[in-house]
Amino acid sequence: MSGRAQLMWDEAVTGYDFGPGHPMDPVRLALTMRLVEAYGLHREVDVVAAKPAGDSTLRLVHRQDYVDAVRRVSADPGAADGTYGLGTVDDPAFAGMHEASALIAGQSVGAAEAVWRGEALHAVNFTGGLHHAMPGGASGFCVYNDAALAVARLLELGARRVAYVDVDVHHGDGVQAAFWEDPRVLTVSLHEHPSTLFPQTGWPQETGADGAEGSAVNVALPAGTGDEGWLRAFHAVVPELVAAFAPDVLVTQHGADTHFEDPLAHLAVSLDAQRMVAESCHALAHEHARGRWVALGGGGYAVVDVVPRTWTHLVGIAAGRAVPPESRVPDEWRHEVYRRTRSAAPARMTDGRAPGWRDFVEAGYDPADRLDQAILATRRAVFPAHGLLPLP
C-alpha cells in the first residue's frame, strides 16, 4: 500500500453551480485548491482527476429514473418543475447539472477505489460530501450522494464493514437512508438538533432497521454548542463505536458549517476544533482501519473565511504535513481571494482558539447539562447493540 495520499481534483467541479446568490458558491472549491497549492501541499500528494460516475455506479445508490431526470434538466434547465427535487429553491436546475454532479461523485468513488486497492493510504475529495441526496431525489444542495456512493463502492469491492462519520452541522440523512437496512455500514452523524435545523431528522432514536439495529447513530447537539461541547460529544461517542465496529475503511465527512461564522446554522465551533476533529479521524483510521481513510468535504457557507482554511488543514493532515495553525496565510492566496471576491482574506490558519474538553468517561455525566443529555440519549440508544455500556 502506498503511504502517499491522493487528492481528488478536477477544475471542472466548479461547474457545480446553482447560480448567483445561492449559498453553495463554487468559489469555495476553487479557493480551497488555490490555498492547498499556496502551501505546496499539492506536491505532497498525488493529485488525481477521476472519471465522472457512470450510470452503473450511480445506480449503487440512486434510481435510474432519477438519474434520467437529472440528465433531462441538465440539458434543459427550464423544464425543471420541482419533480425529483430538481428546480427548487435549494436545488435550482442548471445547464450541465448531471455532468458536474457525476464528476464530483466520480472523485469520491475514485478516492474509495484508491484506498481499497492500496494505491493510497488516505484520499481526500473536499468537493464531495453531498450527503442529503436521496436515492430518488435531490435535497439540500445535493444532487448525487457521493458519500453514499463511495461507501457502496467499497462494499462492492469487498469491504466487510465500513464506518462513516459525518460532522457536518446538518444530519447526514441521505447516507443514513442508503444504508438503513445494512449492518455492514455504521453511519454516525453529529449535527445540530433537528428541532432547529434542516433536514429535521437525526434523532437519537433513529438507530437502523430490524436486523441492522445500532448501525445508525445520531448525536443531536443543542443550538449554540461550541468547541468544548462539540469535542466532548465527538469523543464521547465516535471512538468507542468505531473501535467496537472494527471497520475495514473509515469514510468521514467534514462539513465546515459547524463554524460560528456560518450563516445557515447555529453552532459555535471554531476552525481550531474542526482541525482537531480531522486529526482525530485520521488517528481513528490508523487505530481501527489499518490507516484506510477516505475524507470528504460537505457543507460550509462562509466561503472565504472558513471553508478553504478548514479543508486545507484536512488535506495537510491526510498528506502527513499538517499546516501549523499559527502560520500566516500566503499573500498570493490573499490576493487571489480579493481578486475573485473583493473580500479581505483571513491572515492566519487559526481562529486563535486552543480548544479542550471534559472527557465524558473520566469527568462523568451531568444530568442537568443539555449537551450531556444529548450524549447520553445517543449512548443509550445504540451502545448496547455494540456491547458497550451507555454510562461509564
Protein backbone atom coordinates (compact mmCIF):
# COMPACT_ATOMS: atom_id res chain seq x y z
CA MET A 1 0.00 0.00 0.00
CA SER A 2 1.28 3.43 -0.90
CA GLY A 3 1.88 5.70 2.07
CA ARG A 4 1.26 8.71 -0.14
CA ALA A 5 -2.15 10.36 -0.04
CA GLN A 6 -4.32 11.18 -3.02
CA LEU A 7 -6.14 14.46 -3.52
CA MET A 8 -9.02 14.25 -5.95
CA TRP A 9 -9.30 17.37 -8.05
CA ASP A 10 -10.62 18.42 -11.44
CA GLU A 11 -11.14 22.13 -12.10
CA ALA A 12 -14.43 21.25 -13.79
CA VAL A 13 -16.03 20.51 -10.40
CA THR A 14 -16.57 24.27 -10.11
CA GLY A 15 -19.28 23.77 -12.71
CA TYR A 16 -21.47 22.55 -9.83
CA ASP A 17 -23.06 25.99 -9.68
CA PHE A 18 -26.64 26.72 -8.63
CA GLY A 19 -26.31 30.33 -9.74
CA PRO A 20 -25.76 33.82 -8.28
CA GLY A 21 -26.81 34.27 -4.69
CA HIS A 22 -27.00 30.57 -3.88
CA PRO A 23 -25.11 29.67 -0.67
CA MET A 24 -23.27 26.78 -2.39
CA ASP A 25 -20.90 29.11 -4.23
CA PRO A 26 -18.31 27.08 -6.15
CA VAL A 27 -15.70 29.73 -5.38
CA ARG A 28 -15.23 27.87 -2.09
CA LEU A 29 -13.84 24.89 -4.03
CA ALA A 30 -11.52 26.97 -6.21
CA LEU A 31 -10.23 28.96 -3.23
CA THR A 32 -9.57 25.78 -1.28
CA MET A 33 -7.48 24.31 -4.08
CA ARG A 34 -5.59 27.58 -4.50
CA LEU A 35 -4.80 27.60 -0.76
CA VAL A 36 -3.66 23.96 -0.93
CA GLU A 37 -1.34 25.00 -3.75
CA ALA A 38 -0.14 28.12 -1.93
CA TYR A 39 1.05 25.89 0.91
CA GLY A 40 2.68 23.46 -1.53
CA LEU A 41 0.51 20.59 -0.35
CA HIS A 42 -0.25 19.56 -3.92
CA ARG A 43 3.38 18.42 -4.11
CA GLU A 44 2.96 16.22 -1.03
CA VAL A 45 0.06 14.22 -2.50
CA ASP A 46 -0.87 12.62 -5.80
CA VAL A 47 -3.42 14.97 -7.40
CA VAL A 48 -5.83 12.79 -9.38
CA ALA A 49 -8.82 13.63 -11.57
CA ALA A 50 -11.13 10.63 -11.57
CA LYS A 51 -13.71 9.91 -14.24
CA PRO A 52 -17.32 11.01 -13.73
CA ALA A 53 -19.52 8.34 -12.23
CA GLY A 54 -21.42 6.44 -14.90
CA ASP A 55 -24.96 5.20 -14.64
CA SER A 56 -23.99 1.77 -13.32
CA THR A 57 -22.07 3.42 -10.48
CA LEU A 58 -24.79 5.95 -9.74
CA ARG A 59 -27.29 3.07 -9.51
CA LEU A 60 -25.40 1.72 -6.49
CA VAL A 61 -27.43 4.34 -4.58
CA HIS A 62 -29.74 6.20 -6.98
CA ARG A 63 -32.73 5.00 -9.01
CA GLN A 64 -32.32 5.08 -12.79
CA ASP A 65 -35.45 7.18 -13.24
CA TYR A 66 -33.91 9.86 -11.03
CA VAL A 67 -30.60 9.79 -12.93
CA ASP A 68 -32.57 10.14 -16.16
CA ALA A 69 -34.45 13.12 -14.70
CA VAL A 70 -31.20 14.85 -13.71
CA ARG A 71 -29.88 14.31 -17.22
CA ARG A 72 -33.05 15.82 -18.73
CA VAL A 73 -32.96 19.02 -16.66
CA SER A 74 -29.23 19.24 -17.19
CA ALA A 75 -29.91 19.53 -20.91
CA ASP A 76 -32.95 21.81 -20.45
CA PRO A 77 -32.96 23.58 -17.06
CA GLY A 78 -36.13 25.46 -17.96
CA ALA A 79 -38.06 22.18 -17.91
CA ALA A 80 -37.40 21.61 -14.20
CA ASP A 81 -40.62 21.86 -12.20
CA GLY A 82 -39.65 20.61 -8.75
CA THR A 83 -40.17 16.94 -9.62
CA TYR A 84 -37.45 14.78 -8.06
CA GLY A 85 -36.43 17.84 -6.03
CA LEU A 86 -34.98 19.49 -9.16
CA GLY A 87 -35.80 23.11 -9.87
CA THR A 88 -36.47 24.05 -6.24
CA VAL A 89 -35.07 26.97 -4.24
CA ASP A 90 -32.48 24.67 -2.66
CA ASP A 91 -31.63 22.81 -5.86
CA PRO A 92 -32.21 25.03 -8.90
CA ALA A 93 -31.62 23.32 -12.21
CA PHE A 94 -28.62 24.46 -14.22
CA ALA A 95 -27.04 23.54 -17.52
CA GLY A 96 -24.57 20.71 -17.05
CA MET A 97 -26.04 19.65 -13.70
CA HIS A 98 -25.69 15.94 -14.44
CA GLU A 99 -22.14 16.25 -15.71
CA ALA A 100 -20.89 18.34 -12.76
CA SER A 101 -22.69 16.18 -10.20
CA ALA A 102 -21.43 12.94 -11.74
CA LEU A 103 -17.90 14.36 -11.78
CA ILE A 104 -17.98 15.12 -8.06
CA ALA A 105 -19.42 11.66 -7.40
CA GLY A 106 -16.67 10.14 -9.50
CA GLN A 107 -14.00 11.83 -7.39
CA SER A 108 -15.37 10.26 -4.19
CA VAL A 109 -15.77 6.85 -5.79
CA GLY A 110 -12.23 7.16 -7.16
CA ALA A 111 -10.96 8.04 -3.70
CA ALA A 112 -12.63 4.93 -2.27
CA GLU A 113 -11.18 2.73 -5.00
CA ALA A 114 -7.67 4.10 -4.50
CA VAL A 115 -7.75 3.45 -0.76
CA TRP A 116 -9.27 -0.02 -1.08
CA ARG A 117 -6.83 -1.11 -3.79
CA GLY A 118 -3.85 0.15 -1.83
CA GLU A 119 -2.92 2.87 -4.30
CA ALA A 120 -3.12 5.37 -1.44
CA LEU A 121 -3.45 5.09 2.32
CA HIS A 122 -5.61 8.23 2.52
CA ALA A 123 -7.64 10.00 -0.14
CA VAL A 124 -9.38 13.38 0.10
CA ASN A 125 -12.21 14.79 -2.00
CA PHE A 126 -13.14 18.09 -0.41
CA THR A 127 -15.53 18.77 -3.31
CA GLY A 128 -17.71 15.88 -2.13
CA GLY A 129 -19.69 15.10 0.99
CA LEU A 130 -23.06 15.87 -0.65
CA HIS A 131 -24.86 13.82 1.97
CA HIS A 132 -28.50 14.90 1.58
CA ALA A 133 -29.24 13.47 -1.87
CA MET A 134 -31.69 10.58 -1.69
CA PRO A 135 -31.98 7.52 -3.95
CA GLY A 136 -34.83 9.16 -5.83
CA GLY A 137 -34.36 12.88 -5.40
CA ALA A 138 -32.17 15.92 -4.86
CA SER A 139 -32.20 17.59 -1.45
CA GLY A 140 -30.35 20.27 0.46
CA PHE A 141 -27.99 21.45 -2.33
CA CYS A 142 -27.11 17.81 -3.13
CA VAL A 143 -27.85 16.09 -6.45
CA TYR A 144 -25.89 12.82 -6.28
CA ASN A 145 -24.85 11.41 -2.91
CA ASP A 146 -21.14 10.89 -3.49
CA ALA A 147 -20.56 9.92 0.14
CA ALA A 148 -23.05 7.05 -0.05
CA LEU A 149 -21.67 6.07 -3.46
CA ALA A 150 -18.14 5.84 -2.04
CA VAL A 151 -19.35 3.56 0.76
CA ALA A 152 -21.40 1.44 -1.66
CA ARG A 153 -18.39 1.06 -3.95
CA LEU A 154 -16.24 -0.09 -1.04
CA LEU A 155 -18.80 -2.78 -0.25
CA GLU A 156 -18.91 -3.78 -3.91
CA LEU A 157 -15.12 -4.14 -3.91
CA GLY A 158 -15.24 -6.48 -0.92
CA ALA A 159 -15.15 -4.38 2.25
CA ARG A 160 -16.97 -6.26 5.02
CA ARG A 161 -17.57 -3.24 7.25
CA VAL A 162 -17.38 0.49 6.52
CA ALA A 163 -17.70 3.20 9.18
CA TYR A 164 -19.00 6.58 8.02
CA VAL A 165 -18.57 9.55 10.38
CA ASP A 166 -20.28 12.83 9.48
CA VAL A 167 -19.51 16.04 11.41
CA ASP A 168 -21.41 18.45 9.15
CA VAL A 169 -23.81 20.71 11.07
CA HIS A 170 -26.70 19.08 9.18
CA HIS A 171 -27.79 15.48 9.64
CA GLY A 172 -26.31 13.07 7.10
CA ASP A 173 -29.77 11.86 6.21
CA GLY A 174 -29.11 10.61 2.69
CA VAL A 175 -26.24 8.36 3.74
CA GLN A 176 -28.25 7.05 6.68
CA ALA A 177 -31.18 6.31 4.36
CA ALA A 178 -28.97 4.49 1.85
CA PHE A 179 -27.69 2.04 4.48
CA TRP A 180 -30.60 1.96 6.93
CA GLU A 181 -31.03 -1.80 6.45
CA ASP A 182 -27.36 -2.71 6.04
CA PRO A 183 -25.49 -3.85 9.18
CA ARG A 184 -22.20 -3.72 7.25
CA VAL A 185 -22.25 0.09 7.42
CA LEU A 186 -22.05 2.18 10.57
CA THR A 187 -23.30 5.73 9.94
CA VAL A 188 -22.50 8.25 12.68
CA SER A 189 -23.75 11.83 12.41
CA LEU A 190 -23.05 14.71 14.81
CA HIS A 191 -25.31 17.61 13.93
CA GLU A 192 -27.38 20.46 15.23
CA HIS A 193 -30.62 19.28 16.82
CA PRO A 194 -33.34 18.51 14.24
CA SER A 195 -35.82 20.76 16.03
CA THR A 196 -33.78 23.80 14.96
CA LEU A 197 -32.20 22.87 11.62
CA PHE A 198 -32.76 21.20 8.25
CA PRO A 199 -33.48 18.39 7.48
CA GLN A 200 -35.34 17.90 10.78
CA THR A 201 -34.08 14.32 11.08
CA GLY A 202 -31.27 12.69 13.01
CA TRP A 203 -32.93 11.99 16.34
CA PRO A 204 -31.04 9.62 18.67
CA GLN A 205 -33.88 7.10 18.34
CA GLU A 206 -33.05 6.63 14.64
CA THR A 207 -30.84 3.57 15.01
CA GLY A 208 -31.33 1.39 11.91
CA ALA A 209 -33.85 -1.12 10.60
CA ASP A 210 -34.63 -4.51 12.10
CA GLY A 211 -31.55 -6.63 11.55
CA ALA A 212 -29.32 -3.54 11.50
CA GLU A 213 -30.04 -2.18 14.97
CA GLY A 214 -27.36 0.20 16.16
CA SER A 215 -25.95 0.77 12.67
CA ALA A 216 -27.32 4.34 12.54
CA VAL A 217 -26.00 6.71 15.21
CA ASN A 218 -27.19 10.28 15.72
CA VAL A 219 -25.92 12.90 18.14
CA ALA A 220 -28.35 15.83 18.16
CA LEU A 221 -26.46 18.82 19.55
CA PRO A 222 -28.21 21.80 21.15
CA ALA A 223 -28.07 25.02 19.14
CA GLY A 224 -25.21 27.18 20.39
CA THR A 225 -22.87 24.26 21.13
CA GLY A 226 -19.27 25.46 20.95
CA ASP A 227 -15.82 23.92 20.86
CA GLU A 228 -15.79 22.24 24.26
CA GLY A 229 -19.23 20.66 23.87
CA TRP A 230 -18.66 19.62 20.25
CA LEU A 231 -15.38 17.93 21.08
CA ARG A 232 -16.86 16.33 24.20
CA ALA A 233 -19.73 14.87 22.15
CA PHE A 234 -17.43 13.58 19.40
CA HIS A 235 -15.11 11.85 21.84
CA ALA A 236 -17.96 10.52 23.96
CA VAL A 237 -19.47 8.64 21.02
CA VAL A 238 -17.26 8.15 17.98
CA PRO A 239 -14.05 6.45 19.21
CA GLU A 240 -15.79 3.73 21.22
CA LEU A 241 -18.20 2.90 18.41
CA VAL A 242 -15.53 2.83 15.71
CA ALA A 243 -13.36 0.60 17.89
CA ALA A 244 -16.23 -1.80 18.55
CA PHE A 245 -17.30 -1.86 14.89
CA ALA A 246 -13.73 -2.51 13.63
CA PRO A 247 -14.22 -1.19 10.08
CA ASP A 248 -12.13 -2.12 7.09
CA VAL A 249 -12.27 1.52 5.94
CA LEU A 250 -13.18 4.81 7.59
CA VAL A 251 -15.08 7.37 5.48
CA THR A 252 -15.52 10.82 7.03
CA GLN A 253 -17.45 13.92 6.02
CA HIS A 254 -16.06 17.29 7.15
CA GLY A 255 -18.71 19.89 6.52
CA ALA A 256 -17.34 23.25 7.67
CA ASP A 257 -20.76 24.67 8.54
CA THR A 258 -20.43 23.98 12.26
CA HIS A 259 -18.33 27.16 12.38
CA PHE A 260 -19.55 30.17 14.36
CA GLU A 261 -19.40 32.33 11.20
CA ASP A 262 -21.55 30.04 9.09
CA PRO A 263 -24.72 31.86 8.01
CA LEU A 264 -27.02 28.82 7.75
CA ALA A 265 -26.74 27.16 11.17
CA HIS A 266 -26.43 27.79 14.88
CA LEU A 267 -23.39 26.02 16.31
CA ALA A 268 -20.36 27.96 17.54
CA VAL A 269 -17.38 25.79 16.61
CA SER A 270 -14.00 27.23 15.67
CA LEU A 271 -11.61 26.34 12.88
CA ASP A 272 -9.27 25.02 15.54
CA ALA A 273 -11.80 22.49 16.84
CA GLN A 274 -12.62 21.44 13.27
CA ARG A 275 -8.93 20.78 12.70
CA MET A 276 -8.74 18.72 15.90
CA VAL A 277 -11.63 16.50 14.81
CA ALA A 278 -9.95 15.92 11.45
CA GLU A 279 -6.82 14.89 13.33
CA SER A 280 -8.91 12.53 15.48
CA CYS A 281 -10.49 10.93 12.40
CA HIS A 282 -7.02 10.41 10.95
CA ALA A 283 -5.93 8.72 14.18
CA LEU A 284 -9.04 6.52 14.27
CA ALA A 285 -8.34 5.30 10.74
CA HIS A 286 -4.86 4.21 11.80
CA GLU A 287 -6.05 2.67 15.05
CA HIS A 288 -9.01 0.71 13.69
CA ALA A 289 -8.98 0.58 9.86
CA ARG A 290 -5.31 -0.09 9.03
CA GLY A 291 -4.98 3.55 8.02
CA ARG A 292 -7.58 3.34 5.25
CA TRP A 293 -9.23 6.76 5.25
CA VAL A 294 -11.47 8.49 2.72
CA ALA A 295 -12.10 12.11 3.74
CA LEU A 296 -14.76 14.26 2.11
CA GLY A 297 -15.86 17.89 2.32
CA GLY A 298 -19.52 18.84 2.73
CA GLY A 299 -21.40 21.97 3.70
CA GLY A 300 -19.85 25.30 4.57
CA TYR A 301 -21.11 28.70 3.51
CA ALA A 302 -18.56 31.11 4.96
CA VAL A 303 -16.85 30.60 1.63
CA VAL A 304 -13.81 32.83 2.18
CA ASP A 305 -13.09 32.95 5.91
CA VAL A 306 -13.73 29.33 6.85
CA VAL A 307 -14.13 26.69 4.15
CA PRO A 308 -10.74 26.99 2.37
CA ARG A 309 -8.79 27.01 5.64
CA THR A 310 -10.66 24.07 7.17
CA TRP A 311 -10.27 21.85 4.13
CA THR A 312 -6.64 22.86 3.60
CA HIS A 313 -6.00 21.63 7.13
CA LEU A 314 -7.76 18.39 6.18
CA VAL A 315 -5.53 17.94 3.13
CA GLY A 316 -2.41 18.69 5.19
CA ILE A 317 -3.37 16.12 7.82
CA ALA A 318 -4.01 13.46 5.18
CA ALA A 319 -0.73 14.31 3.45
CA GLY A 320 1.27 13.94 6.65
CA ARG A 321 2.26 17.59 6.53
CA ALA A 322 -0.15 19.37 8.82
CA VAL A 323 -0.30 23.14 8.38
CA PRO A 324 0.73 24.90 11.59
CA PRO A 325 -2.31 26.80 12.88
CA GLU A 326 -0.23 29.86 13.68
CA SER A 327 1.18 30.08 10.15
CA ARG A 328 0.46 33.22 8.15
CA VAL A 329 -1.77 32.65 5.14
CA PRO A 330 0.35 33.13 1.97
CA ASP A 331 -0.02 36.56 0.42
CA GLU A 332 -0.56 35.06 -3.03
CA TRP A 333 -3.76 33.41 -1.77
CA ARG A 334 -4.97 36.54 -0.05
CA HIS A 335 -4.54 38.42 -3.32
CA GLU A 336 -6.47 35.68 -5.14
CA VAL A 337 -9.31 35.98 -2.63
CA TYR A 338 -9.57 39.70 -3.23
CA ARG A 339 -9.39 39.28 -6.99
CA ARG A 340 -12.24 36.76 -7.02
CA THR A 341 -14.49 38.11 -4.27
CA ARG A 342 -13.38 41.64 -3.38
CA SER A 343 -13.28 40.40 0.21
CA ALA A 344 -10.43 40.54 2.69
CA ALA A 345 -8.92 37.13 3.40
CA PRO A 346 -8.10 35.81 6.87
CA ALA A 347 -4.49 36.29 7.90
CA ARG A 348 -3.74 33.04 9.73
CA MET A 349 -4.76 29.38 9.75
CA THR A 350 -6.39 29.65 13.17
CA ASP A 351 -9.23 31.38 14.96
CA GLY A 352 -6.87 31.84 17.89
CA ARG A 353 -8.50 29.13 19.99
CA ALA A 354 -6.91 26.28 21.93
CA PRO A 355 -9.96 24.07 22.49
CA GLY A 356 -10.19 21.48 25.21
CA TRP A 357 -13.00 19.31 26.52
CA ARG A 358 -14.02 17.33 29.59
CA ASP A 359 -13.90 13.64 28.78
CA PHE A 360 -17.34 12.05 29.21
CA VAL A 361 -15.94 8.84 30.69
CA GLU A 362 -13.43 10.43 33.04
CA ALA A 363 -15.36 13.58 34.04
CA GLY A 364 -18.74 11.86 34.23
CA TYR A 365 -22.27 12.72 33.18
CA ASP A 366 -24.01 15.91 34.32
CA PRO A 367 -27.78 15.24 34.22
CA ALA A 368 -28.54 18.99 34.25
CA ASP A 369 -26.46 19.73 31.16
CA ARG A 370 -28.32 19.74 27.82
CA LEU A 371 -25.25 18.59 25.92
CA ASP A 372 -24.71 15.67 28.26
CA GLN A 373 -28.39 14.78 27.93
CA ALA A 374 -27.89 14.61 24.16
CA ILE A 375 -24.77 12.46 24.51
CA LEU A 376 -26.45 10.06 26.91
CA ALA A 377 -29.53 9.77 24.69
CA THR A 378 -27.30 8.58 21.85
CA ARG A 379 -25.27 6.22 24.00
CA ARG A 380 -28.43 4.67 25.46
CA ALA A 381 -29.94 4.23 22.00
CA VAL A 382 -27.03 2.47 20.30
CA PHE A 383 -24.22 1.46 22.66
CA PRO A 384 -25.89 -1.76 23.92
CA ALA A 385 -26.22 -3.01 20.32
CA HIS A 386 -22.41 -2.88 20.13
CA GLY A 387 -21.82 -4.46 23.54
CA LEU A 388 -20.96 -1.12 25.12
CA LEU A 389 -22.21 0.49 28.33
CA PRO A 390 -24.22 3.71 27.95
CA LEU A 391 -22.79 5.13 31.17
CA PRO A 392 -19.13 4.69 32.07
